[in-house]
Every structure is written in structure tokens, then in C-alpha cells.
Amino acid sequence: MESNNMMERVGQWPAQTKSYIEDLQQEMRRVTWPSWKQVRATTTVVIAAVFVFAAYFALVDALFGRGITRLFNLFTK
């Protein structure tokens, strides 16, 4: 009984795959792709934001590191 169900599911696989690919192609035709100018602008913003956040976290890390080191030195002396 289970083997018949399994064989039916395996037999439907090619049709399901074809349907999925057709649906995917239709959906990709509906996508509004950004212009090259928009891609460059948003990429620039992302890269700048990464550097700003990196600088911020480096500063916070350095400050916390110094504070914790001073705290440890205060209690270990």
C-alpha cells in the first residue's frame, strides 16, 4: 500500500518540477530590477555604514576593554 503511494509521488515529481520552474520564470519576469545607478548608490551606502559601525564598535570595545582592565587592576592590587 505504501509503495503505491510512494510510486505515485515519485511519478509526479517531473510534472511538479516543470510547474515550479514555469512559476519561477513568470515570477522573475515580474521583478522590477534596480538601475545601475541605484545599485551603485545603495552599495555605497552599505559600505559606508559598515565602516561607520566598525569604527563605533572598535571605539566601544576599546573603552570597555580599558574600563574592565582598570577595574581588574583596582581589585587585584
Protein backbone atom coordinates (compact mmCIF):
# COMPACT_ATOMS: atom_id res chain seq x y z
CA MET A 1 0.00 0.00 0.00
CA GLU A 2 2.75 2.46 0.95
CA SER A 3 4.85 1.53 -2.06
CA ASN A 4 1.99 2.53 -4.42
CA ASN A 5 1.74 5.90 -2.69
CA MET A 6 5.49 6.34 -2.94
CA MET A 7 5.49 5.42 -6.64
CA GLU A 8 2.73 7.96 -7.31
CA ARG A 9 4.69 10.68 -5.58
CA VAL A 10 7.84 9.78 -7.50
CA GLY A 11 5.85 9.75 -10.75
CA GLN A 12 4.53 13.27 -10.08
CA TRP A 13 7.99 14.70 -9.48
CA PRO A 14 8.80 15.67 -13.11
CA ALA A 15 5.45 17.46 -13.55
CA GLN A 16 5.84 19.27 -10.23
CA THR A 17 9.38 20.30 -11.12
CA LYS A 18 8.26 21.63 -14.50
CA SER A 19 5.41 23.56 -12.87
CA TYR A 20 7.79 25.03 -10.30
CA ILE A 21 10.22 26.19 -12.98
CA GLU A 22 7.43 27.76 -15.05
CA ASP A 23 6.09 29.58 -11.98
CA LEU A 24 9.61 30.75 -11.15
CA GLN A 25 10.12 32.12 -14.68
CA GLN A 26 6.80 34.00 -14.52
CA GLU A 27 7.68 35.49 -11.17
CA MET A 28 11.14 36.58 -12.37
CA ARG A 29 9.52 38.43 -15.29
CA ARG A 30 7.51 40.48 -12.77
CA VAL A 31 10.57 41.56 -10.80
CA THR A 32 11.46 45.23 -11.07
CA TRP A 33 15.24 45.33 -11.24
CA PRO A 34 17.06 48.44 -9.97
CA SER A 35 19.05 50.60 -12.33
CA TRP A 36 22.85 50.53 -12.27
CA LYS A 37 22.81 53.99 -10.66
CA GLN A 38 20.57 52.72 -7.83
CA VAL A 39 22.80 49.68 -7.29
CA ARG A 40 25.91 51.85 -7.01
CA ALA A 41 24.20 54.29 -4.64
CA THR A 42 22.87 51.62 -2.28
CA THR A 43 26.16 49.73 -2.37
CA THR A 44 28.00 52.92 -1.41
CA VAL A 45 25.59 53.48 1.49
CA VAL A 46 26.04 49.89 2.72
CA ILE A 47 29.85 50.06 2.55
CA ALA A 48 29.90 53.43 4.34
CA ALA A 49 27.54 52.09 7.03
CA VAL A 50 29.77 49.05 7.56
CA PHE A 51 32.80 51.29 8.15
CA VAL A 52 30.87 53.60 10.48
CA PHE A 53 29.58 50.68 12.54
CA ALA A 54 33.03 49.08 12.59
CA ALA A 55 34.55 52.30 13.91
CA TYR A 56 31.80 52.66 16.51
CA PHE A 57 32.20 49.09 17.76
CA ALA A 58 36.00 49.40 17.80
CA LEU A 59 35.69 52.53 19.96
CA VAL A 60 33.15 50.92 22.31
CA ASP A 61 35.31 47.79 22.55
CA ALA A 62 38.41 49.84 23.37
CA LEU A 63 36.57 51.85 26.03
CA PHE A 64 35.07 48.76 27.67
CA GLY A 65 38.40 46.97 27.46
CA ARG A 66 40.20 49.81 29.22
CA GLY A 67 37.45 50.09 31.81
CA ILE A 68 37.48 46.39 32.60
CA THR A 69 41.29 46.33 32.74
CA ARG A 70 41.27 49.24 35.20
CA LEU A 71 38.58 47.53 37.25
CA PHE A 72 40.59 44.30 37.41
CA ASN A 73 43.75 46.21 38.33
CA LEU A 74 41.88 48.05 41.05
CA PHE A 75 40.69 44.84 42.69
CA THR A 76 43.86 42.79 42.22
CA LYS A 77 46.32 45.24 43.77
